[in-house]
Amino acid sequence: MTVAKFYDWAATTPGRSELVDGQPVGMAPASTTHSALQCELAELIASALERQGAPCSAFTEPGVIPRVNAKTNVRVPDLAVMCGDYKTERSALTDPVVVLEILSPRNKHKTWSNVWAYTTIPGVKEFAVFETESISAKLLRRLSNGDWPQDLELIACGDFNLQSFDVRFPVAAAYRTTHLA
């Protein structure tokens, strides 16, 4: 299935889906911890961007089209940040700067598959994966030469920092409304 056919199909099909290598894949409803974490992260990041006057916007569950196999993929991260003005409505982002995923025990393979797809997008500078079973995140930042480092940075305490626009907050703040707090 192509991206265009996927959007036509999704408009008439109940539930949420993403397109993975030409195949529509259903998305289960999020757990309460997943949902709370997503809301907190969106608020923390959007508020920081607004305070800074950054020309960026945070989006929850946007369609994101990776660079590789772009005609047959629309992935749906939990949160993405795009910088610059968008003058017209878009079905999907092709140019996010930061992508965040929330890793639930039931969706580990799918989440990591999406993360690796996001690394093909030239403008993505950072991505993070937040855990739902512990207060921690894994962060990966693109190196100055455009490559990705071999290892993810584990953040279990202290500050979570998105260097792309200097957004910083205690990692525990993202878990404020979860049962892990």
C-alpha atoms as a PDB file:
ATOM      1  CA  MET A   1       0.000   0.000   0.000  1.00  0.00           C
ATOM      2  CA  THR A   2       1.285   3.483  -0.793  1.00  0.00           C
ATOM      3  CA  VAL A   3       1.105   6.446   1.583  1.00  0.00           C
ATOM      4  CA  ALA A   4      -1.673   8.044  -0.499  1.00  0.00           C
ATOM      5  CA  LYS A   5      -3.743   4.835  -0.489  1.00  0.00           C
ATOM      6  CA  PHE A   6      -3.096   4.424   3.220  1.00  0.00           C
ATOM      7  CA  TYR A   7      -4.574   7.860   3.995  1.00  0.00           C
ATOM      8  CA  ASP A   8      -7.654   7.060   1.891  1.00  0.00           C
ATOM      9  CA  TRP A   9      -8.007   3.697   3.649  1.00  0.00           C
ATOM     10  CA  ALA A  10      -7.408   5.139   7.142  1.00  0.00           C
ATOM     11  CA  ALA A  11     -10.074   7.816   6.634  1.00  0.00           C
ATOM     12  CA  THR A  12     -12.744   5.113   6.358  1.00  0.00           C
ATOM     13  CA  THR A  13     -11.334   2.541   8.789  1.00  0.00           C
ATOM     14  CA  PRO A  14     -12.045   2.695  12.529  1.00  0.00           C
ATOM     15  CA  GLY A  15      -9.144   2.735  14.967  1.00  0.00           C
ATOM     16  CA  ARG A  16      -5.603   4.003  14.647  1.00  0.00           C
ATOM     17  CA  SER A  17      -3.013   2.549  12.295  1.00  0.00           C
ATOM     18  CA  GLU A  18       0.369   3.243  10.824  1.00  0.00           C
ATOM     19  CA  LEU A  19       1.862   2.090   7.533  1.00  0.00           C
ATOM     20  CA  VAL A  20       4.934  -0.134   7.857  1.00  0.00           C
ATOM     21  CA  ASP A  21       6.599  -1.138   4.592  1.00  0.00           C
ATOM     22  CA  GLY A  22       3.304  -1.015   2.705  1.00  0.00           C
ATOM     23  CA  GLN A  23       1.248  -2.851   5.324  1.00  0.00           C
ATOM     24  CA  PRO A  24      -1.296  -1.135   7.611  1.00  0.00           C
ATOM     25  CA  VAL A  25      -0.605  -2.049  11.227  1.00  0.00           C
ATOM     26  CA  GLY A  26      -3.193  -1.455  13.942  1.00  0.00           C
ATOM     27  CA  MET A  27      -2.246   0.434  17.083  1.00  0.00           C
ATOM     28  CA  ALA A  28      -3.638  -0.662  20.443  1.00  0.00           C
ATOM     29  CA  PRO A  29      -4.914   1.938  22.911  1.00  0.00           C
ATOM     30  CA  ALA A  30      -2.192   3.241  25.203  1.00  0.00           C
ATOM     31  CA  SER A  31      -1.910   2.180  28.843  1.00  0.00           C
ATOM     32  CA  THR A  32      -2.555   4.745  31.572  1.00  0.00           C
ATOM     33  CA  THR A  33       1.181   5.118  32.273  1.00  0.00           C
ATOM     34  CA  HIS A  34       1.900   5.532  28.560  1.00  0.00           C
ATOM     35  CA  SER A  35      -0.844   8.148  28.201  1.00  0.00           C
ATOM     36  CA  ALA A  36       0.169  10.091  31.316  1.00  0.00           C
ATOM     37  CA  LEU A  37       3.811  10.104  30.234  1.00  0.00           C
ATOM     38  CA  GLN A  38       2.878  11.297  26.756  1.00  0.00           C
ATOM     39  CA  CYS A  39       0.807  14.177  28.175  1.00  0.00           C
ATOM     40  CA  GLU A  40       3.523  15.249  30.607  1.00  0.00           C
ATOM     41  CA  LEU A  41       6.252  15.148  27.943  1.00  0.00           C
ATOM     42  CA  ALA A  42       4.135  17.174  25.518  1.00  0.00           C
ATOM     43  CA  GLU A  43       3.448  19.788  28.197  1.00  0.00           C
ATOM     44  CA  LEU A  44       7.062  19.997  29.390  1.00  0.00           C
ATOM     45  CA  ILE A  45       8.463  20.349  25.886  1.00  0.00           C
ATOM     46  CA  ALA A  46       5.761  22.668  24.487  1.00  0.00           C
ATOM     47  CA  SER A  47       6.007  24.971  27.526  1.00  0.00           C
ATOM     48  CA  ALA A  48       9.795  25.158  27.268  1.00  0.00           C
ATOM     49  CA  LEU A  49       9.606  25.950  23.550  1.00  0.00           C
ATOM     50  CA  GLU A  50       7.055  28.691  24.222  1.00  0.00           C
ATOM     51  CA  ARG A  51       9.144  30.234  27.048  1.00  0.00           C
ATOM     52  CA  GLN A  52      12.144  30.365  24.739  1.00  0.00           C
ATOM     53  CA  GLY A  53      10.166  31.812  21.866  1.00  0.00           C
ATOM     54  CA  ALA A  54      11.470  28.964  19.721  1.00  0.00           C
ATOM     55  CA  PRO A  55       9.832  28.717  16.292  1.00  0.00           C
ATOM     56  CA  CYS A  56       9.016  25.064  16.959  1.00  0.00           C
ATOM     57  CA  SER A  57       5.882  23.067  17.685  1.00  0.00           C
ATOM     58  CA  ALA A  58       5.346  19.804  19.549  1.00  0.00           C
ATOM     59  CA  PHE A  59       2.920  17.283  18.050  1.00  0.00           C
ATOM     60  CA  THR A  60       1.423  14.201  19.715  1.00  0.00           C
ATOM     61  CA  GLU A  61       1.005  11.145  17.515  1.00  0.00           C
ATOM     62  CA  PRO A  62       1.821  12.814  14.197  1.00  0.00           C
ATOM     63  CA  GLY A  63       2.335  10.773  11.086  1.00  0.00           C
ATOM     64  CA  VAL A  64       6.043  10.797  10.263  1.00  0.00           C
ATOM     65  CA  ILE A  65       7.385   9.710   6.897  1.00  0.00           C
ATOM     66  CA  PRO A  66      10.885   8.267   7.095  1.00  0.00           C
ATOM     67  CA  ARG A  67      13.362   8.957   4.314  1.00  0.00           C
ATOM     68  CA  VAL A  68      13.917   5.287   3.436  1.00  0.00           C
ATOM     69  CA  ASN A  69      10.882   3.661   1.790  1.00  0.00           C
ATOM     70  CA  ALA A  70       9.032   6.974   2.037  1.00  0.00           C
ATOM     71  CA  LYS A  71       6.324   5.871  -0.409  1.00  0.00           C
ATOM     72  CA  THR A  72       5.232   2.956   1.797  1.00  0.00           C
ATOM     73  CA  ASN A  73       5.769   4.162   5.377  1.00  0.00           C
ATOM     74  CA  VAL A  74       3.890   6.428   7.759  1.00  0.00           C
ATOM     75  CA  ARG A  75       5.107   5.816  11.298  1.00  0.00           C
ATOM     76  CA  VAL A  76       3.330   7.312  14.320  1.00  0.00           C
ATOM     77  CA  PRO A  77       5.603   8.363  17.201  1.00  0.00           C
ATOM     78  CA  ASP A  78       4.226   9.436  20.548  1.00  0.00           C
ATOM     79  CA  LEU A  79       5.663  12.936  20.156  1.00  0.00           C
ATOM     80  CA  ALA A  80       7.658  14.879  17.584  1.00  0.00           C
ATOM     81  CA  VAL A  81       8.958  18.427  17.373  1.00  0.00           C
ATOM     82  CA  MET A  82       9.119  20.339  14.121  1.00  0.00           C
ATOM     83  CA  CYS A  83      10.743  23.747  13.772  1.00  0.00           C
ATOM     84  CA  GLY A  84       9.698  26.490  11.408  1.00  0.00           C
ATOM     85  CA  ASP A  85       6.289  27.694  10.352  1.00  0.00           C
ATOM     86  CA  TYR A  86       3.823  25.402   8.720  1.00  0.00           C
ATOM     87  CA  LYS A  87       1.438  27.405   6.587  1.00  0.00           C
ATOM     88  CA  THR A  88      -0.787  24.565   5.406  1.00  0.00           C
ATOM     89  CA  GLU A  89      -2.309  21.513   7.015  1.00  0.00           C
ATOM     90  CA  ARG A  90      -0.175  18.389   6.691  1.00  0.00           C
ATOM     91  CA  SER A  91      -1.043  14.739   6.866  1.00  0.00           C
ATOM     92  CA  ALA A  92       2.441  13.834   8.074  1.00  0.00           C
ATOM     93  CA  LEU A  93       5.748  15.357   9.098  1.00  0.00           C
ATOM     94  CA  THR A  94       8.718  14.780   6.836  1.00  0.00           C
ATOM     95  CA  ASP A  95      11.070  17.063   8.742  1.00  0.00           C
ATOM     96  CA  PRO A  96      10.905  16.568  12.524  1.00  0.00           C
ATOM     97  CA  VAL A  97      13.924  17.639  14.569  1.00  0.00           C
ATOM     98  CA  VAL A  98      13.187  15.496  17.626  1.00  0.00           C
ATOM     99  CA  VAL A  99      11.166  12.303  17.941  1.00  0.00           C
ATOM    100  CA  LEU A 100      10.083  10.715  21.230  1.00  0.00           C
ATOM    101  CA  GLU A 101       8.656   7.263  21.760  1.00  0.00           C
ATOM    102  CA  ILE A 102       7.260   5.616  24.877  1.00  0.00           C
ATOM    103  CA  LEU A 103       8.266   2.007  25.292  1.00  0.00           C
ATOM    104  CA  SER A 104       5.586  -0.266  26.668  1.00  0.00           C
ATOM    105  CA  PRO A 105       6.316  -3.932  27.390  1.00  0.00           C
ATOM    106  CA  ARG A 106       3.899  -5.069  24.660  1.00  0.00           C
ATOM    107  CA  ASN A 107       5.313  -2.886  21.875  1.00  0.00           C
ATOM    108  CA  LYS A 108       9.111  -3.043  22.248  1.00  0.00           C
ATOM    109  CA  HIS A 109       9.820  -4.478  18.795  1.00  0.00           C
ATOM    110  CA  LYS A 110       7.473  -2.036  17.034  1.00  0.00           C
ATOM    111  CA  THR A 111       8.850   0.937  18.923  1.00  0.00           C
ATOM    112  CA  TRP A 112      12.488   0.132  18.140  1.00  0.00           C
ATOM    113  CA  SER A 113      11.594  -0.563  14.497  1.00  0.00           C
ATOM    114  CA  ASN A 114      10.084   2.933  14.315  1.00  0.00           C
ATOM    115  CA  VAL A 115      13.098   4.494  16.037  1.00  0.00           C
ATOM    116  CA  TRP A 116      15.474   3.034  13.458  1.00  0.00           C
ATOM    117  CA  ALA A 117      13.193   4.335  10.678  1.00  0.00           C
ATOM    118  CA  TYR A 118      13.406   7.862  12.186  1.00  0.00           C
ATOM    119  CA  THR A 119      17.210   7.764  11.970  1.00  0.00           C
ATOM    120  CA  THR A 120      16.864   7.863   8.163  1.00  0.00           C
ATOM    121  CA  ILE A 121      15.350  11.359   8.308  1.00  0.00           C
ATOM    122  CA  PRO A 122      18.199  13.857   7.749  1.00  0.00           C
ATOM    123  CA  GLY A 123      16.698  16.594   9.959  1.00  0.00           C
ATOM    124  CA  VAL A 124      16.222  14.415  13.046  1.00  0.00           C
ATOM    125  CA  LYS A 125      18.889  15.493  15.508  1.00  0.00           C
ATOM    126  CA  GLU A 126      17.730  13.602  18.595  1.00  0.00           C
ATOM    127  CA  PHE A 127      15.342  10.898  19.613  1.00  0.00           C
ATOM    128  CA  ALA A 128      14.427   9.510  22.975  1.00  0.00           C
ATOM    129  CA  VAL A 129      12.651   6.430  24.216  1.00  0.00           C
ATOM    130  CA  PHE A 130      10.960   6.694  27.626  1.00  0.00           C
ATOM    131  CA  GLU A 131      10.278   3.554  29.680  1.00  0.00           C
ATOM    132  CA  THR A 132       6.908   2.734  31.239  1.00  0.00           C
ATOM    133  CA  GLU A 133       8.237   0.237  33.787  1.00  0.00           C
ATOM    134  CA  SER A 134      10.836   2.536  35.363  1.00  0.00           C
ATOM    135  CA  ILE A 135      11.701   6.226  35.504  1.00  0.00           C
ATOM    136  CA  SER A 136      14.265   6.313  32.725  1.00  0.00           C
ATOM    137  CA  ALA A 137      14.853   7.300  29.140  1.00  0.00           C
ATOM    138  CA  LYS A 138      17.336   6.428  26.432  1.00  0.00           C
ATOM    139  CA  LEU A 139      18.565   9.310  24.310  1.00  0.00           C
ATOM    140  CA  LEU A 140      20.448   9.336  21.036  1.00  0.00           C
ATOM    141  CA  ARG A 141      21.924  12.501  19.509  1.00  0.00           C
ATOM    142  CA  ARG A 142      23.236  12.829  15.974  1.00  0.00           C
ATOM    143  CA  LEU A 143      26.957  13.596  15.926  1.00  0.00           C
ATOM    144  CA  SER A 144      28.318  16.774  14.306  1.00  0.00           C
ATOM    145  CA  ASN A 145      29.395  14.747  11.241  1.00  0.00           C
ATOM    146  CA  GLY A 146      25.785  13.545  10.747  1.00  0.00           C
ATOM    147  CA  ASP A 147      26.350   9.999  12.002  1.00  0.00           C
ATOM    148  CA  TRP A 148      24.590   8.410  14.952  1.00  0.00           C
ATOM    149  CA  PRO A 149      26.649   7.226  17.940  1.00  0.00           C
ATOM    150  CA  GLN A 150      26.827   3.500  18.633  1.00  0.00           C
ATOM    151  CA  ASP A 151      25.332   3.711  22.111  1.00  0.00           C
ATOM    152  CA  LEU A 152      22.249   5.294  23.584  1.00  0.00           C
ATOM    153  CA  GLU A 153      22.610   7.521  26.649  1.00  0.00           C
ATOM    154  CA  LEU A 154      20.650   6.153  29.610  1.00  0.00           C
ATOM    155  CA  ILE A 155      19.036   8.830  31.780  1.00  0.00           C
ATOM    156  CA  ALA A 156      17.596   7.383  34.988  1.00  0.00           C
ATOM    157  CA  CYS A 157      18.011  10.397  37.243  1.00  0.00           C
ATOM    158  CA  GLY A 158      18.987  14.003  36.816  1.00  0.00           C
ATOM    159  CA  ASP A 159      18.047  16.161  33.860  1.00  0.00           C
ATOM    160  CA  PHE A 160      16.719  15.166  30.474  1.00  0.00           C
ATOM    161  CA  ASN A 161      18.149  17.635  27.954  1.00  0.00           C
ATOM    162  CA  LEU A 162      17.200  18.108  24.320  1.00  0.00           C
ATOM    163  CA  GLN A 163      20.155  20.052  22.965  1.00  0.00           C
ATOM    164  CA  SER A 164      18.412  20.864  19.685  1.00  0.00           C
ATOM    165  CA  PHE A 165      16.631  23.735  21.427  1.00  0.00           C
ATOM    166  CA  ASP A 166      17.984  23.563  24.973  1.00  0.00           C
ATOM    167  CA  VAL A 167      14.913  22.032  26.585  1.00  0.00           C
ATOM    168  CA  ARG A 168      15.847  20.686  30.006  1.00  0.00           C
ATOM    169  CA  PHE A 169      13.789  19.146  32.801  1.00  0.00           C
ATOM    170  CA  PRO A 170      14.263  16.479  35.475  1.00  0.00           C
ATOM    171  CA  VAL A 171      13.505  13.094  33.927  1.00  0.00           C
ATOM    172  CA  ALA A 172      11.281  12.361  36.955  1.00  0.00           C
ATOM    173  CA  ALA A 173       9.077  15.356  36.024  1.00  0.00           C
ATOM    174  CA  ALA A 174       7.823  13.462  32.986  1.00  0.00           C
ATOM    175  CA  TYR A 175       6.543  10.731  35.323  1.00  0.00           C
ATOM    176  CA  ARG A 176       4.761  13.131  37.713  1.00  0.00           C
ATOM    177  CA  THR A 177       1.265  11.761  37.079  1.00  0.00           C
ATOM    178  CA  THR A 178       2.199   8.081  36.719  1.00  0.00           C
ATOM    179  CA  HIS A 179       2.133   5.333  39.355  1.00  0.00           C
ATOM    180  CA  LEU A 180       5.954   5.372  39.202  1.00  0.00           C
ATOM    181  CA  ALA A 181       6.213   8.859  40.762  1.00  0.00           C
END
